[in-house]
PDB file of N, CA and C in Angstrom:
ATOM      1  N   MET A   1       0.840  -1.170   0.000  1.00  0.00           N
ATOM      2  CA  MET A   1       0.000   0.000   0.000  1.00  0.00           C
ATOM      3  C   MET A   1       0.892   1.242   0.000  1.00  0.00           C
ATOM      4  N   VAL A   2       0.707   2.126  -0.962  1.00  0.00           N
ATOM      5  CA  VAL A   2       1.509   3.333  -1.095  1.00  0.00           C
ATOM      6  C   VAL A   2       0.700   4.525  -0.629  1.00  0.00           C
ATOM      7  N   CYS A   3       1.256   5.299   0.304  1.00  0.00           N
ATOM      8  CA  CYS A   3       0.588   6.513   0.768  1.00  0.00           C
ATOM      9  C   CYS A   3       1.127   7.697  -0.011  1.00  0.00           C
ATOM     10  N   MET A   4       0.238   8.470  -0.603  1.00  0.00           N
ATOM     11  CA  MET A   4       0.632   9.641  -1.375  1.00  0.00           C
ATOM     12  C   MET A   4       0.033  10.875  -0.712  1.00  0.00           C
ATOM     13  N   TYR A   5       0.746  11.992  -0.768  1.00  0.00           N
ATOM     14  CA  TYR A   5       0.271  13.210  -0.124  1.00  0.00           C
ATOM     15  C   TYR A   5       0.117  14.325  -1.145  1.00  0.00           C
ATOM     16  N   GLU A   6      -0.670  14.085  -2.150  1.00  0.00           N
ATOM     17  CA  GLU A   6      -0.991  15.103  -3.138  1.00  0.00           C
ATOM     18  C   GLU A   6      -2.507  15.147  -3.287  1.00  0.00           C
ATOM     19  N   LYS A   7      -3.008  16.250  -3.786  1.00  0.00           N
ATOM     20  CA  LYS A   7      -4.455  16.358  -3.988  1.00  0.00           C
ATOM     21  C   LYS A   7      -4.845  15.536  -5.201  1.00  0.00           C
ATOM     22  N   LYS A   8      -5.965  14.860  -5.082  1.00  0.00           N
ATOM     23  CA  LYS A   8      -6.394  13.972  -6.158  1.00  0.00           C
ATOM     24  C   LYS A   8      -7.899  13.767  -6.071  1.00  0.00           C
ATOM     25  N   LEU A   9      -8.557  13.695  -7.215  1.00  0.00           N
ATOM     26  CA  LEU A   9      -9.975  13.368  -7.263  1.00  0.00           C
ATOM     27  C   LEU A   9     -10.085  11.847  -7.389  1.00  0.00           C
ATOM     28  N   PHE A  10     -10.735  11.226  -6.428  1.00  0.00           N
ATOM     29  CA  PHE A  10     -10.843   9.769  -6.388  1.00  0.00           C
ATOM     30  C   PHE A  10     -12.148   9.251  -6.971  1.00  0.00           C
ATOM     31  N   GLY A  11     -13.006  10.130  -7.420  1.00  0.00           N
ATOM     32  CA  GLY A  11     -14.287   9.699  -7.948  1.00  0.00           C
ATOM     33  C   GLY A  11     -15.416  10.282  -7.130  1.00  0.00           C
ATOM     34  N   THR A  12     -16.530   9.593  -7.118  1.00  0.00           N
ATOM     35  CA  THR A  12     -17.694  10.094  -6.396  1.00  0.00           C
ATOM     36  C   THR A  12     -18.152   9.088  -5.350  1.00  0.00           C
ATOM     37  N   ALA A  13     -18.940   9.574  -4.415  1.00  0.00           N
ATOM     38  CA  ALA A  13     -19.577   8.732  -3.414  1.00  0.00           C
ATOM     39  C   ALA A  13     -21.008   9.226  -3.276  1.00  0.00           C
ATOM     40  N   THR A  14     -21.916   8.315  -3.011  1.00  0.00           N
ATOM     41  CA  THR A  14     -23.321   8.662  -2.865  1.00  0.00           C
ATOM     42  C   THR A  14     -23.729   8.472  -1.413  1.00  0.00           C
ATOM     43  N   VAL A  15     -24.465   9.422  -0.883  1.00  0.00           N
ATOM     44  CA  VAL A  15     -24.975   9.313   0.486  1.00  0.00           C
ATOM     45  C   VAL A  15     -26.209   8.420   0.452  1.00  0.00           C
ATOM     46  N   GLY A  16     -26.167   7.355   1.244  1.00  0.00           N
ATOM     47  CA  GLY A  16     -27.288   6.420   1.298  1.00  0.00           C
ATOM     48  C   GLY A  16     -28.390   6.921   2.207  1.00  0.00           C
ATOM     49  N   THR A  17     -29.469   6.163   2.307  1.00  0.00           N
ATOM     50  CA  THR A  17     -30.633   6.566   3.105  1.00  0.00           C
ATOM     51  C   THR A  17     -30.307   6.691   4.589  1.00  0.00           C
ATOM     52  N   LYS A  18     -29.273   6.006   5.061  1.00  0.00           N
ATOM     53  CA  LYS A  18     -28.861   6.073   6.464  1.00  0.00           C
ATOM     54  C   LYS A  18     -27.744   7.103   6.673  1.00  0.00           C
ATOM     55  N   GLY A  19     -27.427   7.869   5.635  1.00  0.00           N
ATOM     56  CA  GLY A  19     -26.378   8.876   5.744  1.00  0.00           C
ATOM     57  C   GLY A  19     -24.979   8.318   5.585  1.00  0.00           C
ATOM     58  N   GLN A  20     -24.873   7.072   5.181  1.00  0.00           N
ATOM     59  CA  GLN A  20     -23.572   6.438   5.032  1.00  0.00           C
ATOM     60  C   GLN A  20     -22.993   6.721   3.647  1.00  0.00           C
ATOM     61  N   VAL A  21     -21.661   6.843   3.626  1.00  0.00           N
ATOM     62  CA  VAL A  21     -20.936   7.087   2.380  1.00  0.00           C
ATOM     63  C   VAL A  21     -19.846   6.030   2.265  1.00  0.00           C
ATOM     64  N   VAL A  22     -19.702   5.445   1.092  1.00  0.00           N
ATOM     65  CA  VAL A  22     -18.635   4.486   0.844  1.00  0.00           C
ATOM     66  C   VAL A  22     -17.471   5.241   0.208  1.00  0.00           C
ATOM     67  N   ILE A  23     -16.301   5.150   0.842  1.00  0.00           N
ATOM     68  CA  ILE A  23     -15.106   5.790   0.298  1.00  0.00           C
ATOM     69  C   ILE A  23     -14.556   4.864  -0.785  1.00  0.00           C
ATOM     70  N   PRO A  24     -14.300   5.393  -1.989  1.00  0.00           N
ATOM     71  CA  PRO A  24     -13.795   4.542  -3.068  1.00  0.00           C
ATOM     72  C   PRO A  24     -12.524   3.777  -2.657  1.00  0.00           C
ATOM     73  N   ALA A  25     -12.398   2.543  -3.119  1.00  0.00           N
ATOM     74  CA  ALA A  25     -11.272   1.676  -2.752  1.00  0.00           C
ATOM     75  C   ALA A  25      -9.929   2.317  -3.076  1.00  0.00           C
ATOM     76  N   THR A  26      -9.826   3.000  -4.211  1.00  0.00           N
ATOM     77  CA  THR A  26      -8.546   3.627  -4.560  1.00  0.00           C
ATOM     78  C   THR A  26      -8.172   4.703  -3.545  1.00  0.00           C
ATOM     79  N   ALA A  27      -9.159   5.434  -3.060  1.00  0.00           N
ATOM     80  CA  ALA A  27      -8.905   6.456  -2.046  1.00  0.00           C
ATOM     81  C   ALA A  27      -8.468   5.797  -0.737  1.00  0.00           C
ATOM     82  N   ARG A  28      -9.162   4.736  -0.337  1.00  0.00           N
ATOM     83  CA  ARG A  28      -8.784   4.037   0.896  1.00  0.00           C
ATOM     84  C   ARG A  28      -7.362   3.505   0.807  1.00  0.00           C
ATOM     85  N   ASP A  29      -7.011   2.945  -0.332  1.00  0.00           N
ATOM     86  CA  ASP A  29      -5.665   2.392  -0.511  1.00  0.00           C
ATOM     87  C   ASP A  29      -4.598   3.485  -0.461  1.00  0.00           C
ATOM     88  N   GLU A  30      -4.764   4.511  -1.275  1.00  0.00           N
ATOM     89  CA  GLU A  30      -3.745   5.554  -1.376  1.00  0.00           C
ATOM     90  C   GLU A  30      -3.658   6.425  -0.130  1.00  0.00           C
ATOM     91  N   LEU A  31      -4.770   6.548   0.617  1.00  0.00           N
ATOM     92  CA  LEU A  31      -4.774   7.369   1.828  1.00  0.00           C
ATOM     93  C   LEU A  31      -4.585   6.533   3.093  1.00  0.00           C
ATOM     94  N   CYS A  32      -4.316   5.244   2.885  1.00  0.00           N
ATOM     95  CA  CYS A  32      -4.042   4.320   3.999  1.00  0.00           C
ATOM     96  C   CYS A  32      -5.172   4.289   5.017  1.00  0.00           C
ATOM     97  N   ILE A  33      -6.399   4.273   4.548  1.00  0.00           N
ATOM     98  CA  ILE A  33      -7.570   4.172   5.425  1.00  0.00           C
ATOM     99  C   ILE A  33      -7.937   2.698   5.516  1.00  0.00           C
ATOM    100  N   LYS A  34      -7.927   2.198   6.759  1.00  0.00           N
ATOM    101  CA  LYS A  34      -8.184   0.780   6.978  1.00  0.00           C
ATOM    102  C   LYS A  34      -9.465   0.583   7.793  1.00  0.00           C
ATOM    103  N   THR A  35      -9.997  -0.609   7.735  1.00  0.00           N
ATOM    104  CA  THR A  35     -11.170  -0.963   8.529  1.00  0.00           C
ATOM    105  C   THR A  35     -10.902  -0.655   9.997  1.00  0.00           C
ATOM    106  N   GLY A  36     -11.828   0.024  10.632  1.00  0.00           N
ATOM    107  CA  GLY A  36     -11.690   0.368  12.041  1.00  0.00           C
ATOM    108  C   GLY A  36     -11.074   1.731  12.289  1.00  0.00           C
ATOM    109  N   ASP A  37     -10.489   2.363  11.260  1.00  0.00           N
ATOM    110  CA  ASP A  37      -9.932   3.708  11.437  1.00  0.00           C
ATOM    111  C   ASP A  37     -11.050   4.677  11.784  1.00  0.00           C
ATOM    112  N   ARG A  38     -10.759   5.614  12.688  1.00  0.00           N
ATOM    113  CA  ARG A  38     -11.724   6.668  13.014  1.00  0.00           C
ATOM    114  C   ARG A  38     -11.437   7.855  12.122  1.00  0.00           C
ATOM    115  N   LEU A  39     -12.490   8.368  11.512  1.00  0.00           N
ATOM    116  CA  LEU A  39     -12.362   9.539  10.647  1.00  0.00           C
ATOM    117  C   LEU A  39     -13.194  10.672  11.239  1.00  0.00           C
ATOM    118  N   TYR A  40     -12.582  11.839  11.371  1.00  0.00           N
ATOM    119  CA  TYR A  40     -13.309  13.021  11.821  1.00  0.00           C
ATOM    120  C   TYR A  40     -13.920  13.703  10.613  1.00  0.00           C
ATOM    121  N   VAL A  41     -15.142  14.145  10.745  1.00  0.00           N
ATOM    122  CA  VAL A  41     -15.831  14.840   9.665  1.00  0.00           C
ATOM    123  C   VAL A  41     -15.725  16.332   9.955  1.00  0.00           C
ATOM    124  N   VAL A  42     -15.034  17.048   9.072  1.00  0.00           N
ATOM    125  CA  VAL A  42     -14.808  18.479   9.221  1.00  0.00           C
ATOM    126  C   VAL A  42     -15.386  19.148   7.992  1.00  0.00           C
ATOM    127  N   GLY A  43     -15.984  20.318   8.151  1.00  0.00           N
ATOM    128  CA  GLY A  43     -16.550  20.955   6.972  1.00  0.00           C
ATOM    129  C   GLY A  43     -16.882  22.410   7.167  1.00  0.00           C
ATOM    130  N   SER A  44     -17.277  23.003   6.078  1.00  0.00           N
ATOM    131  CA  SER A  44     -17.707  24.391   6.052  1.00  0.00           C
ATOM    132  C   SER A  44     -19.107  24.432   5.446  1.00  0.00           C
ATOM    133  N   PRO A  45     -20.125  24.577   6.285  1.00  0.00           N
ATOM    134  CA  PRO A  45     -21.487  24.632   5.756  1.00  0.00           C
ATOM    135  C   PRO A  45     -21.674  25.755   4.731  1.00  0.00           C
ATOM    136  N   ALA A  46     -21.057  26.891   4.966  1.00  0.00           N
ATOM    137  CA  ALA A  46     -21.216  28.027   4.054  1.00  0.00           C
ATOM    138  C   ALA A  46     -20.655  27.726   2.670  1.00  0.00           C
ATOM    139  N   LYS A  47     -19.581  26.939   2.627  1.00  0.00           N
ATOM    140  CA  LYS A  47     -18.949  26.624   1.338  1.00  0.00           C
ATOM    141  C   LYS A  47     -19.378  25.258   0.805  1.00  0.00           C
ATOM    142  N   GLY A  48     -20.121  24.496   1.591  1.00  0.00           N
ATOM    143  CA  GLY A  48     -20.553  23.176   1.152  1.00  0.00           C
ATOM    144  C   GLY A  48     -19.407  22.178   1.054  1.00  0.00           C
ATOM    145  N   VAL A  49     -18.414  22.323   1.928  1.00  0.00           N
ATOM    146  CA  VAL A  49     -17.223  21.474   1.897  1.00  0.00           C
ATOM    147  C   VAL A  49     -17.280  20.471   3.041  1.00  0.00           C
ATOM    148  N   VAL A  50     -16.942  19.223   2.739  1.00  0.00           N
ATOM    149  CA  VAL A  50     -16.836  18.170   3.744  1.00  0.00           C
ATOM    150  C   VAL A  50     -15.473  17.512   3.579  1.00  0.00           C
ATOM    151  N   MET A  51     -14.792  17.299   4.708  1.00  0.00           N
ATOM    152  CA  MET A  51     -13.483  16.656   4.660  1.00  0.00           C
ATOM    153  C   MET A  51     -13.459  15.560   5.712  1.00  0.00           C
ATOM    154  N   LEU A  52     -12.904  14.421   5.376  1.00  0.00           N
ATOM    155  CA  LEU A  52     -12.710  13.338   6.330  1.00  0.00           C
ATOM    156  C   LEU A  52     -11.242  13.355   6.728  1.00  0.00           C
ATOM    157  N   LEU A  53     -10.979  13.321   8.026  1.00  0.00           N
ATOM    158  CA  LEU A  53      -9.622  13.425   8.534  1.00  0.00           C
ATOM    159  C   LEU A  53      -9.343  12.248   9.453  1.00  0.00           C
ATOM    160  N   ARG A  54      -8.295  11.468   9.114  1.00  0.00           N
ATOM    161  CA  ARG A  54      -7.939  10.337   9.965  1.00  0.00           C
ATOM    162  C   ARG A  54      -7.560  10.832  11.345  1.00  0.00           C
ATOM    163  N   GLU A  55      -7.977  10.092  12.365  1.00  0.00           N
ATOM    164  CA  GLU A  55      -7.738  10.491  13.751  1.00  0.00           C
ATOM    165  C   GLU A  55      -6.259  10.739  14.027  1.00  0.00           C
ATOM    166  N   ASP A  56      -5.382   9.908  13.474  1.00  0.00           N
ATOM    167  CA  ASP A  56      -3.954  10.073  13.736  1.00  0.00           C
ATOM    168  C   ASP A  56      -3.371  11.333  13.088  1.00  0.00           C
ATOM    169  N   LYS A  57      -4.113  11.960  12.181  1.00  0.00           N
ATOM    170  CA  LYS A  57      -3.659  13.197  11.537  1.00  0.00           C
ATOM    171  C   LYS A  57      -4.304  14.438  12.153  1.00  0.00           C
ATOM    172  N   LEU A  58      -5.235  14.250  13.087  1.00  0.00           N
ATOM    173  CA  LEU A  58      -5.970  15.373  13.662  1.00  0.00           C
ATOM    174  C   LEU A  58      -5.045  16.369  14.356  1.00  0.00           C
ATOM    175  N   GLU A  59      -4.127  15.884  15.186  1.00  0.00           N
ATOM    176  CA  GLU A  59      -3.234  16.790  15.923  1.00  0.00           C
ATOM    177  C   GLU A  59      -2.392  17.625  14.962  1.00  0.00           C
ATOM    178  N   LYS A  60      -1.865  16.994  13.927  1.00  0.00           N
ATOM    179  CA  LYS A  60      -1.053  17.720  12.944  1.00  0.00           C
ATOM    180  C   LYS A  60      -1.911  18.756  12.200  1.00  0.00           C
ATOM    181  N   PHE A  61      -3.158  18.415  11.896  1.00  0.00           N
ATOM    182  CA  PHE A  61      -4.070  19.342  11.215  1.00  0.00           C
ATOM    183  C   PHE A  61      -4.345  20.561  12.099  1.00  0.00           C
ATOM    184  N   ILE A  62      -4.622  20.328  13.375  1.00  0.00           N
ATOM    185  CA  ILE A  62      -4.902  21.432  14.302  1.00  0.00           C
ATOM    186  C   ILE A  62      -3.670  22.325  14.439  1.00  0.00           C
ATOM    187  N   GLU A  63      -2.503  21.730  14.547  1.00  0.00           N
ATOM    188  CA  GLU A  63      -1.259  22.507  14.643  1.00  0.00           C
ATOM    189  C   GLU A  63      -1.072  23.375  13.406  1.00  0.00           C
ATOM    190  N   HIS A  64      -1.303  22.798  12.243  1.00  0.00           N
ATOM    191  CA  HIS A  64      -1.163  23.536  10.980  1.00  0.00           C
ATOM    192  C   HIS A  64      -2.130  24.716  10.931  1.00  0.00           C
ATOM    193  N   MET A  65      -3.370  24.476  11.298  1.00  0.00           N
ATOM    194  CA  MET A  65      -4.366  25.544  11.276  1.00  0.00           C
ATOM    195  C   MET A  65      -4.020  26.635  12.284  1.00  0.00           C
ATOM    196  N   SER A  66      -3.544  26.247  13.463  1.00  0.00           N
ATOM    197  CA  SER A  66      -3.162  27.221  14.490  1.00  0.00           C
ATOM    198  C   SER A  66      -2.014  28.101  14.011  1.00  0.00           C
ATOM    199  N   LEU A  67      -1.029  27.500  13.350  1.00  0.00           N
ATOM    200  CA  LEU A  67       0.092  28.271  12.822  1.00  0.00           C
ATOM    201  C   LEU A  67      -0.377  29.266  11.770  1.00  0.00           C
ATOM    202  N   ASN A  68      -1.327  28.855  10.944  1.00  0.00           N
ATOM    203  CA  ASN A  68      -1.864  29.762   9.927  1.00  0.00           C
ATOM    204  C   ASN A  68      -2.578  30.942  10.573  1.00  0.00           C
ATOM    205  N   VAL A  69      -3.333  30.688  11.635  1.00  0.00           N
ATOM    206  CA  VAL A  69      -4.037  31.760  12.334  1.00  0.00           C
ATOM    207  C   VAL A  69      -3.027  32.724  12.949  1.00  0.00           C
ATOM    208  N   GLU A  70      -1.999  32.181  13.592  1.00  0.00           N
ATOM    209  CA  GLU A  70      -0.982  33.040  14.209  1.00  0.00           C
ATOM    210  C   GLU A  70      -0.259  33.877  13.156  1.00  0.00           C
ATOM    211  N   MET A  71       0.036  33.277  12.011  1.00  0.00           N
ATOM    212  CA  MET A  71       0.707  34.003  10.930  1.00  0.00           C
ATOM    213  C   MET A  71      -0.181  35.152  10.438  1.00  0.00           C
ATOM    214  N   LEU A  72      -1.456  34.884  10.274  1.00  0.00           N
ATOM    215  CA  LEU A  72      -2.384  35.935   9.812  1.00  0.00           C
ATOM    216  C   LEU A  72      -2.512  37.061  10.834  1.00  0.00           C
ATOM    217  N   LYS A  73      -2.498  36.714  12.129  1.00  0.00           N
ATOM    218  CA  LYS A  73      -2.558  37.737  13.167  1.00  0.00           C
ATOM    219  C   LYS A  73      -1.333  38.636  13.098  1.00  0.00           C
ATOM    220  N   LYS A  74      -0.155  38.046  12.875  1.00  0.00           N
ATOM    221  CA  LYS A  74       1.077  38.824  12.782  1.00  0.00           C
ATOM    222  C   LYS A  74       1.059  39.727  11.566  1.00  0.00           C
ATOM    223  N   LEU A  75       0.542  39.211  10.456  1.00  0.00           N
ATOM    224  CA  LEU A  75       0.468  40.028   9.236  1.00  0.00           C
ATOM    225  C   LEU A  75      -0.481  41.196   9.429  1.00  0.00           C
ATOM    226  N   LYS A  76      -1.551  40.973  10.148  1.00  0.00           N
ATOM    227  CA  LYS A  76      -2.536  42.030  10.387  1.00  0.00           C
ATOM    228  C   LYS A  76      -1.931  43.155  11.230  1.00  0.00           C
ATOM    229  N   LYS A  77      -1.080  42.786  12.194  1.00  0.00           N
ATOM    230  CA  LYS A  77      -0.468  43.767  13.075  1.00  0.00           C
ATOM    231  C   LYS A  77       0.623  44.569  12.364  1.00  0.00           C
ATOM    232  N   ALA A  78       1.215  43.996  11.328  1.00  0.00           N
ATOM    233  CA  ALA A  78       2.333  44.659  10.629  1.00  0.00           C
ATOM    234  C   ALA A  78       1.889  45.866   9.830  1.00  0.00           C
TER     235      ALA A  78
END
């Protein structure tokens, strides 16, 4: 299984009657998503964006977002 860290369109998924979505097999393989992995659902209702984030990547995602906020605050003060 090869993990790649580039943006890629993996196809489509359909929301079922129970709200369940099947992640395409190619996406699961390339993103190293395995049975039992916890995925956080993050999104922007205003923009209609939904993102699934593996639990083990959550801390790194929060750190990245925090750094971006701090950088923007510094730019605003300059």
